[in-house]
C-alpha cells in the first residue's frame, strides 16, 4: 500500500491507538501525521508506516490548515457513526 499526503489513517499501535490522522508527508518508512486538534500542523507526529491502517473511504483534498483537517476527520467519524447505527 502506498501512503500519500491527504490520506486518512488509523493508528494501530502506541499510546494513540485508534486515533485518526491525516498524512501530511511521507519520508521513507515514516509518515508525518496531524489531526488539527491535539496534533496541529506545527506539531506533526512522526510514525512508522507499519503502525498505521489506511482509511480508503475518505481523503483530504488539501492539507493546508488545521481547520480543514478537523473537518475531514469529523465528516469521516460522522459517516462511521451513521453506518454503525443503521
C-alpha atoms as a PDB file:
ATOM      1  CA  UNK A   1       0.000   0.000   0.000  1.00  0.00           C
ATOM      2  CA  UNK A   2       1.375   3.387  -0.969  1.00  0.00           C
ATOM      3  CA  UNK A   3       0.778   6.105   1.576  1.00  0.00           C
ATOM      4  CA  UNK A   4       0.208   9.557   0.112  1.00  0.00           C
ATOM      5  CA  UNK A   5      -0.396  13.017   1.602  1.00  0.00           C
ATOM      6  CA  UNK A   6      -4.074  13.624   2.246  1.00  0.00           C
ATOM      7  CA  UNK A   7      -4.927  10.011   3.123  1.00  0.00           C
ATOM      8  CA  UNK A   8      -6.716   9.285   6.374  1.00  0.00           C
ATOM      9  CA  UNK A   9      -5.128   6.642   8.586  1.00  0.00           C
ATOM     10  CA  UNK A  10      -5.901   4.963  11.900  1.00  0.00           C
ATOM     11  CA  UNK A  11      -3.116   4.326  14.389  1.00  0.00           C
ATOM     12  CA  UNK A  12      -2.755   0.604  15.196  1.00  0.00           C
ATOM     13  CA  UNK A  13      -0.079   0.867  17.898  1.00  0.00           C
ATOM     14  CA  UNK A  14       1.240   3.215  20.534  1.00  0.00           C
ATOM     15  CA  UNK A  15      -0.409   5.407  23.133  1.00  0.00           C
ATOM     16  CA  UNK A  16      -2.528   6.965  20.356  1.00  0.00           C
ATOM     17  CA  UNK A  17      -4.030   3.627  19.257  1.00  0.00           C
ATOM     18  CA  UNK A  18      -7.282   4.034  17.232  1.00  0.00           C
ATOM     19  CA  UNK A  19      -6.722   7.774  16.672  1.00  0.00           C
ATOM     20  CA  UNK A  20      -7.440   9.083  13.186  1.00  0.00           C
ATOM     21  CA  UNK A  21      -4.902  11.305  11.427  1.00  0.00           C
ATOM     22  CA  UNK A  22      -4.270  12.822   8.013  1.00  0.00           C
ATOM     23  CA  UNK A  23      -0.937  12.121   6.332  1.00  0.00           C
ATOM     24  CA  UNK A  24       0.978  15.352   5.731  1.00  0.00           C
ATOM     25  CA  UNK A  25       4.174  13.934   4.216  1.00  0.00           C
ATOM     26  CA  UNK A  26       5.958  10.630   3.620  1.00  0.00           C
ATOM     27  CA  UNK A  27       9.691  10.084   4.244  1.00  0.00           C
ATOM     28  CA  UNK A  28      10.993   6.524   3.646  1.00  0.00           C
ATOM     29  CA  UNK A  29       9.312   4.232   6.223  1.00  0.00           C
ATOM     30  CA  UNK A  30       7.928   7.130   8.282  1.00  0.00           C
ATOM     31  CA  UNK A  31       4.970   9.420   7.748  1.00  0.00           C
ATOM     32  CA  UNK A  32       4.174  12.747   9.363  1.00  0.00           C
ATOM     33  CA  UNK A  33       0.628  12.993  10.690  1.00  0.00           C
ATOM     34  CA  UNK A  34      -1.662  15.705  12.006  1.00  0.00           C
ATOM     35  CA  UNK A  35      -5.280  15.873  13.124  1.00  0.00           C
ATOM     36  CA  UNK A  36      -5.679  19.620  13.550  1.00  0.00           C
ATOM     37  CA  UNK A  37      -6.575  19.390  17.241  1.00  0.00           C
ATOM     38  CA  UNK A  38      -4.172  17.565  19.546  1.00  0.00           C
ATOM     39  CA  UNK A  39      -1.620  17.328  16.708  1.00  0.00           C
ATOM     40  CA  UNK A  40      -1.743  20.561  14.660  1.00  0.00           C
ATOM     41  CA  UNK A  41       0.373  21.107  11.554  1.00  0.00           C
ATOM     42  CA  UNK A  42       3.048  22.902  13.563  1.00  0.00           C
ATOM     43  CA  UNK A  43       3.499  19.789  15.797  1.00  0.00           C
ATOM     44  CA  UNK A  44       3.173  16.869  13.379  1.00  0.00           C
ATOM     45  CA  UNK A  45       3.633  13.353  14.690  1.00  0.00           C
ATOM     46  CA  UNK A  46       6.201  11.042  13.099  1.00  0.00           C
ATOM     47  CA  UNK A  47       5.011   7.437  12.940  1.00  0.00           C
ATOM     48  CA  UNK A  48       6.218   4.223  11.349  1.00  0.00           C
ATOM     49  CA  UNK A  49       4.115   3.058   8.381  1.00  0.00           C
ATOM     50  CA  UNK A  50       3.810  -0.418   9.928  1.00  0.00           C
ATOM     51  CA  UNK A  51       1.756   1.075  12.771  1.00  0.00           C
ATOM     52  CA  UNK A  52      -0.903   2.604  10.513  1.00  0.00           C
ATOM     53  CA  UNK A  53      -4.058   1.314   8.853  1.00  0.00           C
ATOM     54  CA  UNK A  54      -5.187   3.293   5.781  1.00  0.00           C
ATOM     55  CA  UNK A  55      -8.764   4.534   5.532  1.00  0.00           C
ATOM     56  CA  UNK A  56      -9.678   4.407   1.862  1.00  0.00           C
ATOM     57  CA  UNK A  57     -13.240   5.760   2.154  1.00  0.00           C
ATOM     58  CA  UNK A  58     -12.272   9.384   2.765  1.00  0.00           C
ATOM     59  CA  UNK A  59      -9.446  11.664   1.675  1.00  0.00           C
ATOM     60  CA  UNK A  60      -8.420  15.262   2.375  1.00  0.00           C
ATOM     61  CA  UNK A  61      -8.108  17.365  -0.788  1.00  0.00           C
ATOM     62  CA  UNK A  62      -5.788  19.886   0.836  1.00  0.00           C
ATOM     63  CA  UNK A  63      -3.691  19.719   3.985  1.00  0.00           C
ATOM     64  CA  UNK A  64      -3.113  23.435   4.327  1.00  0.00           C
ATOM     65  CA  UNK A  65      -4.869  24.258   7.596  1.00  0.00           C
ATOM     66  CA  UNK A  66      -5.797  22.668  10.905  1.00  0.00           C
ATOM     67  CA  UNK A  67      -9.458  23.545  10.377  1.00  0.00           C
ATOM     68  CA  UNK A  68      -9.515  21.577   7.111  1.00  0.00           C
ATOM     69  CA  UNK A  69      -8.013  18.549   8.824  1.00  0.00           C
ATOM     70  CA  UNK A  70     -10.523  18.717  11.679  1.00  0.00           C
ATOM     71  CA  UNK A  71     -13.475  18.966   9.297  1.00  0.00           C
ATOM     72  CA  UNK A  72     -12.348  15.991   7.173  1.00  0.00           C
ATOM     73  CA  UNK A  73     -11.848  13.823  10.264  1.00  0.00           C
ATOM     74  CA  UNK A  74     -15.180  14.973  11.726  1.00  0.00           C
ATOM     75  CA  UNK A  75     -17.022  14.084   8.498  1.00  0.00           C
ATOM     76  CA  UNK A  76     -15.456  10.624   8.451  1.00  0.00           C
ATOM     77  CA  UNK A  77     -16.386   9.975  12.099  1.00  0.00           C
ATOM     78  CA  UNK A  78     -19.989  11.088  11.454  1.00  0.00           C
ATOM     79  CA  UNK A  79     -20.254   8.737   8.475  1.00  0.00           C
ATOM     80  CA  UNK A  80     -18.911   5.860  10.565  1.00  0.00           C
ATOM     81  CA  UNK A  81     -21.328   6.649  13.392  1.00  0.00           C
ATOM     82  CA  UNK A  82     -24.288   6.673  10.962  1.00  0.00           C
ATOM     83  CA  UNK A  83     -23.105   3.407   9.398  1.00  0.00           C
ATOM     84  CA  UNK A  84     -22.902   1.766  12.836  1.00  0.00           C
ATOM     85  CA  UNK A  85     -26.372   2.969  13.819  1.00  0.00           C
ATOM     86  CA  UNK A  86     -28.039   1.551  10.691  1.00  0.00           C
END
